[in-house]
Amino acid sequence: KTKYRKHRRGPFQKYTAGASFGGGQMEPSILRQHEEEAEAIEESLSDPGLERIAGWTNYLFKIFQPKIHAQCMQDINTLVGVLPQVADPFPGGIPGTFWAGETSNNGENSVTWAHTDQGNLAWMWCAITALGNFNPDKGGHLIVWDLGLIIRFPPGSSILLPSALLTHSNIDICQDEERMSVVHFSAGGLFRYVHNGCMTDKEFISDIWPNMTEEEREAWWQERETRWTDALDKMTKWSDFAAQFAS
């Protein structure tokens, strides 16, 4: 059994596995696990149910946000081509899907506090899947604070949301019930690394920037500043679905 470690999402046991970039890493790499937790984490990751959840939620994202999905898969494939060691970070992860990371909230009462996941790519949604044995009419609801929504969230159901942007949490469950969850996501640092030509900002500024023309430098800054609005243009809206089904 893994040891509970204090974290900002709530007072429950969790682990995160997969490929990431940030927190002092020199390049994108597979997250290292604490030695005393590695065996339990490996056993959990080998569960075929988690692999099916990763594939299912990846397919859902492809249906609802096909342009964003295609762009992110292109970036992931570029990353794997340069750094093949980040492929297959966990069963069901990249390159078969664009999920680079997986967090398992596996305490018996995994009810999160209000938080955002600011390390994720802002315009890419994460997938949250509720697990356990609890009455969804009485607890376990998902609260999306910025939208003023309280969403019934039964065990076995999945939801996609931009968790880097929207503050979210859960309603507590009843005594003697159990609630866990699994979250699939991709760290924003991976995509920034790809957009820099597969190098860090520091490497880009020291190695590439001095040899760029003023026009190239302006285009580089412009691309960074408009990346968010470009992503918004790629997002599928309800009106797009309505037009598709009407035809």
C-alpha atoms as a PDB file:
ATOM      1  CA  LYS A   1       0.000   0.000   0.000  1.00  0.00           C
ATOM      2  CA  THR A   2       1.442   3.374  -0.941  1.00  0.00           C
ATOM      3  CA  LYS A   3       2.121   5.961   1.706  1.00  0.00           C
ATOM      4  CA  TYR A   4      -0.109   9.021   1.903  1.00  0.00           C
ATOM      5  CA  ARG A   5       1.798  12.148   0.933  1.00  0.00           C
ATOM      6  CA  LYS A   6       0.452  15.621   1.561  1.00  0.00           C
ATOM      7  CA  HIS A   7      -0.712  17.399  -1.591  1.00  0.00           C
ATOM      8  CA  ARG A   8      -2.967  20.321  -2.515  1.00  0.00           C
ATOM      9  CA  ARG A   9      -5.861  18.352  -4.035  1.00  0.00           C
ATOM     10  CA  GLY A  10      -7.099  16.724  -0.830  1.00  0.00           C
ATOM     11  CA  PRO A  11      -6.322  14.492   2.172  1.00  0.00           C
ATOM     12  CA  PHE A  12      -6.093  11.191   0.317  1.00  0.00           C
ATOM     13  CA  GLN A  13      -3.553   8.846  -1.203  1.00  0.00           C
ATOM     14  CA  LYS A  14      -2.582   9.417  -4.842  1.00  0.00           C
ATOM     15  CA  TYR A  15       0.150   8.805  -7.373  1.00  0.00           C
ATOM     16  CA  THR A  16       0.999  10.308 -10.746  1.00  0.00           C
ATOM     17  CA  ALA A  17       2.744   8.403 -13.516  1.00  0.00           C
ATOM     18  CA  GLY A  18       3.717   9.230 -17.070  1.00  0.00           C
ATOM     19  CA  ALA A  19       5.811  11.651 -19.097  1.00  0.00           C
ATOM     20  CA  SER A  20       6.222  15.254 -18.001  1.00  0.00           C
ATOM     21  CA  PHE A  21       8.448  18.298 -18.366  1.00  0.00           C
ATOM     22  CA  GLY A  22       9.013  20.896 -15.674  1.00  0.00           C
ATOM     23  CA  GLY A  23      10.056  21.075 -12.056  1.00  0.00           C
ATOM     24  CA  GLY A  24      13.765  21.110 -12.862  1.00  0.00           C
ATOM     25  CA  GLN A  25      13.759  18.435 -15.593  1.00  0.00           C
ATOM     26  CA  MET A  26      16.344  19.076 -18.319  1.00  0.00           C
ATOM     27  CA  GLU A  27      14.136  17.491 -20.987  1.00  0.00           C
ATOM     28  CA  PRO A  28      10.802  15.636 -21.115  1.00  0.00           C
ATOM     29  CA  SER A  29      11.099  12.314 -19.304  1.00  0.00           C
ATOM     30  CA  ILE A  30       9.181   9.636 -17.432  1.00  0.00           C
ATOM     31  CA  LEU A  31       8.366  10.630 -13.855  1.00  0.00           C
ATOM     32  CA  ARG A  32      10.413   8.844 -11.217  1.00  0.00           C
ATOM     33  CA  GLN A  33       8.569   7.151  -8.359  1.00  0.00           C
ATOM     34  CA  HIS A  34       9.492   6.870  -4.711  1.00  0.00           C
ATOM     35  CA  GLU A  35      11.236   3.546  -4.192  1.00  0.00           C
ATOM     36  CA  GLU A  36       8.836   2.364  -1.494  1.00  0.00           C
ATOM     37  CA  GLU A  37       5.852   3.089  -3.761  1.00  0.00           C
ATOM     38  CA  ALA A  38       7.156   1.819  -7.110  1.00  0.00           C
ATOM     39  CA  GLU A  39       5.947  -1.790  -6.791  1.00  0.00           C
ATOM     40  CA  ALA A  40       2.409  -0.826  -5.771  1.00  0.00           C
ATOM     41  CA  ILE A  41       2.221   1.782  -8.534  1.00  0.00           C
ATOM     42  CA  GLU A  42       3.446  -0.685 -11.168  1.00  0.00           C
ATOM     43  CA  GLU A  43       0.797  -3.183 -10.063  1.00  0.00           C
ATOM     44  CA  SER A  44      -1.927  -0.554 -10.291  1.00  0.00           C
ATOM     45  CA  LEU A  45      -0.782   0.644 -13.724  1.00  0.00           C
ATOM     46  CA  SER A  46      -0.943  -2.894 -15.094  1.00  0.00           C
ATOM     47  CA  ASP A  47      -4.711  -3.062 -14.439  1.00  0.00           C
ATOM     48  CA  PRO A  48      -6.332  -3.527 -17.885  1.00  0.00           C
ATOM     49  CA  GLY A  49      -9.332  -1.506 -16.716  1.00  0.00           C
ATOM     50  CA  LEU A  50      -7.202   1.656 -16.489  1.00  0.00           C
ATOM     51  CA  GLU A  51      -5.877   1.066 -19.992  1.00  0.00           C
ATOM     52  CA  ARG A  52      -9.436   0.797 -21.323  1.00  0.00           C
ATOM     53  CA  ILE A  53     -10.396   4.027 -19.520  1.00  0.00           C
ATOM     54  CA  ALA A  54      -7.444   5.819 -21.154  1.00  0.00           C
ATOM     55  CA  GLY A  55      -8.487   4.588 -24.601  1.00  0.00           C
ATOM     56  CA  TRP A  56     -12.155   5.404 -24.052  1.00  0.00           C
ATOM     57  CA  THR A  57     -11.578   8.958 -22.851  1.00  0.00           C
ATOM     58  CA  ASN A  58      -9.062   9.590 -25.653  1.00  0.00           C
ATOM     59  CA  TYR A  59     -11.746   8.526 -28.138  1.00  0.00           C
ATOM     60  CA  LEU A  60     -14.292  10.812 -26.474  1.00  0.00           C
ATOM     61  CA  PHE A  61     -11.954  13.780 -26.813  1.00  0.00           C
ATOM     62  CA  LYS A  62     -11.347  12.928 -30.473  1.00  0.00           C
ATOM     63  CA  ILE A  63     -15.110  12.994 -31.094  1.00  0.00           C
ATOM     64  CA  PHE A  64     -15.870  16.245 -29.266  1.00  0.00           C
ATOM     65  CA  GLN A  65     -12.682  18.204 -30.049  1.00  0.00           C
ATOM     66  CA  PRO A  66     -11.253  16.681 -33.261  1.00  0.00           C
ATOM     67  CA  LYS A  67      -9.089  19.677 -34.258  1.00  0.00           C
ATOM     68  CA  ILE A  68      -7.508  20.062 -30.821  1.00  0.00           C
ATOM     69  CA  HIS A  69      -7.015  16.283 -30.631  1.00  0.00           C
ATOM     70  CA  ALA A  70      -5.311  16.214 -34.048  1.00  0.00           C
ATOM     71  CA  GLN A  71      -2.979  19.094 -33.150  1.00  0.00           C
ATOM     72  CA  CYS A  72      -2.017  17.550 -29.812  1.00  0.00           C
ATOM     73  CA  MET A  73      -1.431  14.114 -31.385  1.00  0.00           C
ATOM     74  CA  GLN A  74       0.809  15.757 -33.979  1.00  0.00           C
ATOM     75  CA  ASP A  75       2.833  17.415 -31.205  1.00  0.00           C
ATOM     76  CA  ILE A  76       3.014  14.167 -29.209  1.00  0.00           C
ATOM     77  CA  ASN A  77       4.213  12.220 -32.259  1.00  0.00           C
ATOM     78  CA  THR A  78       6.875  14.885 -32.890  1.00  0.00           C
ATOM     79  CA  LEU A  79       8.016  14.573 -29.274  1.00  0.00           C
ATOM     80  CA  VAL A  80       8.189  10.768 -29.425  1.00  0.00           C
ATOM     81  CA  GLY A  81      10.159  10.980 -32.676  1.00  0.00           C
ATOM     82  CA  VAL A  82      12.826  13.093 -30.955  1.00  0.00           C
ATOM     83  CA  LEU A  83      12.667  11.443 -27.511  1.00  0.00           C
ATOM     84  CA  PRO A  84      11.450   7.845 -27.956  1.00  0.00           C
ATOM     85  CA  GLN A  85      12.076   7.212 -24.256  1.00  0.00           C
ATOM     86  CA  VAL A  86       8.879   9.125 -23.376  1.00  0.00           C
ATOM     87  CA  ALA A  87       6.709   6.734 -25.390  1.00  0.00           C
ATOM     88  CA  ASP A  88       4.593   4.227 -23.467  1.00  0.00           C
ATOM     89  CA  PRO A  89       4.690   6.096 -20.132  1.00  0.00           C
ATOM     90  CA  PHE A  90       1.917   3.802 -18.846  1.00  0.00           C
ATOM     91  CA  PRO A  91      -0.475   1.249 -20.437  1.00  0.00           C
ATOM     92  CA  GLY A  92      -2.962   3.207 -22.534  1.00  0.00           C
ATOM     93  CA  GLY A  93      -0.788   6.327 -22.751  1.00  0.00           C
ATOM     94  CA  ILE A  94       1.177   7.811 -25.651  1.00  0.00           C
ATOM     95  CA  PRO A  95       1.737   7.088 -28.479  1.00  0.00           C
ATOM     96  CA  GLY A  96      -1.587   5.218 -28.771  1.00  0.00           C
ATOM     97  CA  THR A  97      -3.427   8.130 -27.128  1.00  0.00           C
ATOM     98  CA  PHE A  98      -2.390  11.680 -26.393  1.00  0.00           C
ATOM     99  CA  TRP A  99      -2.557  11.156 -22.622  1.00  0.00           C
ATOM    100  CA  ALA A 100       0.989  11.613 -21.345  1.00  0.00           C
ATOM    101  CA  GLY A 101       0.078  11.451 -17.653  1.00  0.00           C
ATOM    102  CA  GLU A 102      -2.195   9.535 -15.327  1.00  0.00           C
ATOM    103  CA  THR A 103      -3.068  10.406 -11.733  1.00  0.00           C
ATOM    104  CA  SER A 104      -4.793   7.797  -9.600  1.00  0.00           C
ATOM    105  CA  ASN A 105      -6.607   9.191  -6.567  1.00  0.00           C
ATOM    106  CA  ASN A 106      -6.840   5.859  -4.820  1.00  0.00           C
ATOM    107  CA  GLY A 107      -7.691   6.680  -1.228  1.00  0.00           C
ATOM    108  CA  GLU A 108     -10.991   5.293   0.049  1.00  0.00           C
ATOM    109  CA  ASN A 109     -12.419   8.809   0.238  1.00  0.00           C
ATOM    110  CA  SER A 110     -10.811  10.607  -2.705  1.00  0.00           C
ATOM    111  CA  VAL A 111     -12.879  13.789  -2.616  1.00  0.00           C
ATOM    112  CA  THR A 112     -10.879  16.729  -3.919  1.00  0.00           C
ATOM    113  CA  TRP A 113     -10.639  20.251  -2.593  1.00  0.00           C
ATOM    114  CA  ALA A 114     -11.249  23.190  -4.974  1.00  0.00           C
ATOM    115  CA  HIS A 115      -8.245  23.440  -7.285  1.00  0.00           C
ATOM    116  CA  THR A 116      -6.994  23.893 -10.831  1.00  0.00           C
ATOM    117  CA  ASP A 117      -4.355  21.789 -12.557  1.00  0.00           C
ATOM    118  CA  GLN A 118      -2.271  24.694 -13.790  1.00  0.00           C
ATOM    119  CA  GLY A 119       0.533  22.496 -15.097  1.00  0.00           C
ATOM    120  CA  ASN A 120      -1.697  21.011 -17.802  1.00  0.00           C
ATOM    121  CA  LEU A 121      -1.956  22.412 -21.307  1.00  0.00           C
ATOM    122  CA  ALA A 122      -4.539  25.176 -20.890  1.00  0.00           C
ATOM    123  CA  TRP A 123      -6.694  24.507 -23.947  1.00  0.00           C
ATOM    124  CA  MET A 124      -6.511  20.718 -23.731  1.00  0.00           C
ATOM    125  CA  TRP A 125      -9.072  19.054 -21.511  1.00  0.00           C
ATOM    126  CA  CYS A 126      -8.252  16.363 -18.998  1.00  0.00           C
ATOM    127  CA  ALA A 127     -10.411  13.294 -18.422  1.00  0.00           C
ATOM    128  CA  ILE A 128     -11.725  12.470 -14.948  1.00  0.00           C
ATOM    129  CA  THR A 129     -13.286   9.069 -14.291  1.00  0.00           C
ATOM    130  CA  ALA A 130     -15.091   8.376 -10.996  1.00  0.00           C
ATOM    131  CA  LEU A 131     -14.675   4.949  -9.400  1.00  0.00           C
ATOM    132  CA  GLY A 132     -15.850   3.273  -6.219  1.00  0.00           C
ATOM    133  CA  ASN A 133     -19.082   2.365  -4.457  1.00  0.00           C
ATOM    134  CA  PHE A 134     -21.154   5.375  -3.402  1.00  0.00           C
ATOM    135  CA  ASN A 135     -24.616   6.840  -3.877  1.00  0.00           C
ATOM    136  CA  PRO A 136     -24.227   9.537  -6.586  1.00  0.00           C
ATOM    137  CA  ASP A 137     -27.529  11.144  -5.575  1.00  0.00           C
ATOM    138  CA  LYS A 138     -26.124  11.968  -2.137  1.00  0.00           C
ATOM    139  CA  GLY A 139     -22.462  12.722  -2.821  1.00  0.00           C
ATOM    140  CA  GLY A 140     -19.473  12.626  -5.126  1.00  0.00           C
ATOM    141  CA  HIS A 141     -20.877  15.411  -7.331  1.00  0.00           C
ATOM    142  CA  LEU A 142     -18.420  17.438  -9.412  1.00  0.00           C
ATOM    143  CA  ILE A 143     -18.482  21.180  -8.690  1.00  0.00           C
ATOM    144  CA  VAL A 144     -17.207  23.476 -11.457  1.00  0.00           C
ATOM    145  CA  TRP A 145     -16.984  26.711  -9.506  1.00  0.00           C
ATOM    146  CA  ASP A 146     -16.308  29.155 -12.348  1.00  0.00           C
ATOM    147  CA  LEU A 147     -19.402  27.985 -14.235  1.00  0.00           C
ATOM    148  CA  GLY A 148     -21.661  27.657 -11.178  1.00  0.00           C
ATOM    149  CA  LEU A 149     -22.322  23.989 -11.954  1.00  0.00           C
ATOM    150  CA  ILE A 150     -22.893  21.002  -9.659  1.00  0.00           C
ATOM    151  CA  ILE A 151     -22.825  17.840 -11.771  1.00  0.00           C
ATOM    152  CA  ARG A 152     -24.031  14.392 -10.706  1.00  0.00           C
ATOM    153  CA  PHE A 153     -20.985  12.176 -11.183  1.00  0.00           C
ATOM    154  CA  PRO A 154     -21.709   8.450 -10.645  1.00  0.00           C
ATOM    155  CA  PRO A 155     -19.003   5.795 -10.314  1.00  0.00           C
ATOM    156  CA  GLY A 156     -17.948   4.510 -13.727  1.00  0.00           C
ATOM    157  CA  SER A 157     -18.654   7.817 -15.502  1.00  0.00           C
ATOM    158  CA  SER A 158     -16.099  10.074 -17.196  1.00  0.00           C
ATOM    159  CA  ILE A 159     -16.063  13.801 -17.854  1.00  0.00           C
ATOM    160  CA  LEU A 160     -13.782  16.020 -19.948  1.00  0.00           C
ATOM    161  CA  LEU A 161     -12.956  19.553 -18.817  1.00  0.00           C
ATOM    162  CA  PRO A 162     -10.145  22.132 -19.145  1.00  0.00           C
ATOM    163  CA  SER A 163      -8.862  21.533 -15.631  1.00  0.00           C
ATOM    164  CA  ALA A 164      -6.053  24.081 -15.957  1.00  0.00           C
ATOM    165  CA  LEU A 165      -8.652  26.843 -16.323  1.00  0.00           C
ATOM    166  CA  LEU A 166     -11.703  25.783 -14.311  1.00  0.00           C
ATOM    167  CA  THR A 167     -11.649  25.460 -10.525  1.00  0.00           C
ATOM    168  CA  HIS A 168     -13.239  22.126  -9.602  1.00  0.00           C
ATOM    169  CA  SER A 169     -13.831  19.902  -6.588  1.00  0.00           C
ATOM    170  CA  ASN A 170     -16.157  17.183  -5.265  1.00  0.00           C
ATOM    171  CA  ILE A 171     -18.966  16.954  -2.751  1.00  0.00           C
ATOM    172  CA  ASP A 172     -18.182  14.544   0.080  1.00  0.00           C
ATOM    173  CA  ILE A 173     -19.648  11.031   0.094  1.00  0.00           C
ATOM    174  CA  CYS A 174     -21.558   9.265   2.864  1.00  0.00           C
ATOM    175  CA  GLN A 175     -19.954   7.350   5.709  1.00  0.00           C
ATOM    176  CA  ASP A 176     -18.853   3.770   4.854  1.00  0.00           C
ATOM    177  CA  GLU A 177     -18.828   4.577   1.115  1.00  0.00           C
ATOM    178  CA  GLU A 178     -15.775   4.555  -1.138  1.00  0.00           C
ATOM    179  CA  ARG A 179     -14.819   6.917  -3.927  1.00  0.00           C
ATOM    180  CA  MET A 180     -11.672   6.876  -6.050  1.00  0.00           C
ATOM    181  CA  SER A 181     -10.891   8.509  -9.380  1.00  0.00           C
ATOM    182  CA  VAL A 182      -8.404   8.346 -12.234  1.00  0.00           C
ATOM    183  CA  VAL A 183      -7.355  11.432 -14.203  1.00  0.00           C
ATOM    184  CA  HIS A 184      -5.702  11.442 -17.629  1.00  0.00           C
ATOM    185  CA  PHE A 185      -3.917  14.574 -18.812  1.00  0.00           C
ATOM    186  CA  SER A 186      -0.885  15.954 -20.646  1.00  0.00           C
ATOM    187  CA  ALA A 187       1.535  18.459 -19.143  1.00  0.00           C
ATOM    188  CA  GLY A 188       1.756  21.817 -20.895  1.00  0.00           C
ATOM    189  CA  GLY A 189       5.556  21.745 -20.761  1.00  0.00           C
ATOM    190  CA  LEU A 190       5.649  18.899 -23.270  1.00  0.00           C
ATOM    191  CA  PHE A 191       3.923  21.026 -25.899  1.00  0.00           C
ATOM    192  CA  ARG A 192       5.985  24.138 -25.205  1.00  0.00           C
ATOM    193  CA  TYR A 193       9.094  21.994 -25.695  1.00  0.00           C
ATOM    194  CA  VAL A 194       7.805  20.839 -29.104  1.00  0.00           C
ATOM    195  CA  HIS A 195       6.803  24.368 -30.157  1.00  0.00           C
ATOM    196  CA  ASN A 196      10.378  25.509 -29.426  1.00  0.00           C
ATOM    197  CA  GLY A 197      11.709  22.996 -31.945  1.00  0.00           C
ATOM    198  CA  CYS A 198      12.157  20.347 -29.232  1.00  0.00           C
ATOM    199  CA  MET A 199      14.265  22.422 -26.888  1.00  0.00           C
ATOM    200  CA  THR A 200      13.777  24.418 -23.708  1.00  0.00           C
ATOM    201  CA  ASP A 201      13.189  28.178 -23.679  1.00  0.00           C
ATOM    202  CA  LYS A 202      16.699  28.578 -22.270  1.00  0.00           C
ATOM    203  CA  GLU A 203      18.241  26.511 -25.074  1.00  0.00           C
ATOM    204  CA  PHE A 204      16.212  28.346 -27.698  1.00  0.00           C
ATOM    205  CA  ILE A 205      17.263  31.784 -26.440  1.00  0.00           C
ATOM    206  CA  SER A 206      20.953  30.830 -26.190  1.00  0.00           C
ATOM    207  CA  ASP A 207      21.309  28.724 -29.359  1.00  0.00           C
ATOM    208  CA  ILE A 208      18.683  29.907 -31.851  1.00  0.00           C
ATOM    209  CA  TRP A 209      17.724  33.465 -30.911  1.00  0.00           C
ATOM    210  CA  PRO A 210      21.105  35.095 -31.726  1.00  0.00           C
ATOM    211  CA  ASN A 211      20.933  33.800 -35.307  1.00  0.00           C
ATOM    212  CA  MET A 212      17.365  34.928 -35.980  1.00  0.00           C
ATOM    213  CA  THR A 213      16.414  37.982 -37.990  1.00  0.00           C
ATOM    214  CA  GLU A 214      14.204  40.660 -36.483  1.00  0.00           C
ATOM    215  CA  GLU A 215      11.292  39.360 -38.591  1.00  0.00           C
ATOM    216  CA  GLU A 216      11.824  35.803 -37.308  1.00  0.00           C
ATOM    217  CA  ARG A 217      11.976  37.016 -33.707  1.00  0.00           C
ATOM    218  CA  GLU A 218       8.761  38.990 -34.157  1.00  0.00           C
ATOM    219  CA  ALA A 219       7.054  35.930 -35.685  1.00  0.00           C
ATOM    220  CA  TRP A 220       8.243  33.775 -32.760  1.00  0.00           C
ATOM    221  CA  TRP A 221       6.762  36.163 -30.182  1.00  0.00           C
ATOM    222  CA  GLN A 222       3.592  36.543 -32.240  1.00  0.00           C
ATOM    223  CA  GLU A 223       3.089  32.790 -32.351  1.00  0.00           C
ATOM    224  CA  ARG A 224       3.444  32.528 -28.566  1.00  0.00           C
ATOM    225  CA  GLU A 225       1.033  35.404 -27.971  1.00  0.00           C
ATOM    226  CA  THR A 226      -1.638  34.081 -30.353  1.00  0.00           C
ATOM    227  CA  ARG A 227      -1.331  30.385 -29.499  1.00  0.00           C
ATOM    228  CA  TRP A 228      -4.293  30.611 -27.127  1.00  0.00           C
ATOM    229  CA  THR A 229      -6.607  32.337 -29.595  1.00  0.00           C
ATOM    230  CA  ASP A 230      -5.552  29.906 -32.326  1.00  0.00           C
ATOM    231  CA  ALA A 231      -6.556  27.043 -30.021  1.00  0.00           C
ATOM    232  CA  LEU A 232      -9.929  28.680 -29.337  1.00  0.00           C
ATOM    233  CA  ASP A 233     -10.558  28.802 -33.077  1.00  0.00           C
ATOM    234  CA  LYS A 234      -9.920  25.052 -33.250  1.00  0.00           C
ATOM    235  CA  MET A 235     -12.406  24.227 -30.482  1.00  0.00           C
ATOM    236  CA  THR A 236     -15.643  22.570 -31.551  1.00  0.00           C
ATOM    237  CA  LYS A 237     -18.748  24.431 -30.365  1.00  0.00           C
ATOM    238  CA  TRP A 238     -22.332  23.241 -29.915  1.00  0.00           C
ATOM    239  CA  SER A 239     -23.275  25.193 -33.032  1.00  0.00           C
ATOM    240  CA  ASP A 240     -20.794  23.059 -34.994  1.00  0.00           C
ATOM    241  CA  PHE A 241     -22.512  19.876 -33.809  1.00  0.00           C
ATOM    242  CA  ALA A 242     -25.930  21.307 -34.584  1.00  0.00           C
ATOM    243  CA  ALA A 243     -24.860  22.176 -38.116  1.00  0.00           C
ATOM    244  CA  GLN A 244     -23.293  18.740 -38.589  1.00  0.00           C
ATOM    245  CA  PHE A 245     -26.405  16.842 -37.485  1.00  0.00           C
ATOM    246  CA  ALA A 246     -28.724  19.183 -39.396  1.00  0.00           C
ATOM    247  CA  SER A 247     -26.952  18.302 -42.611  1.00  0.00           C
END
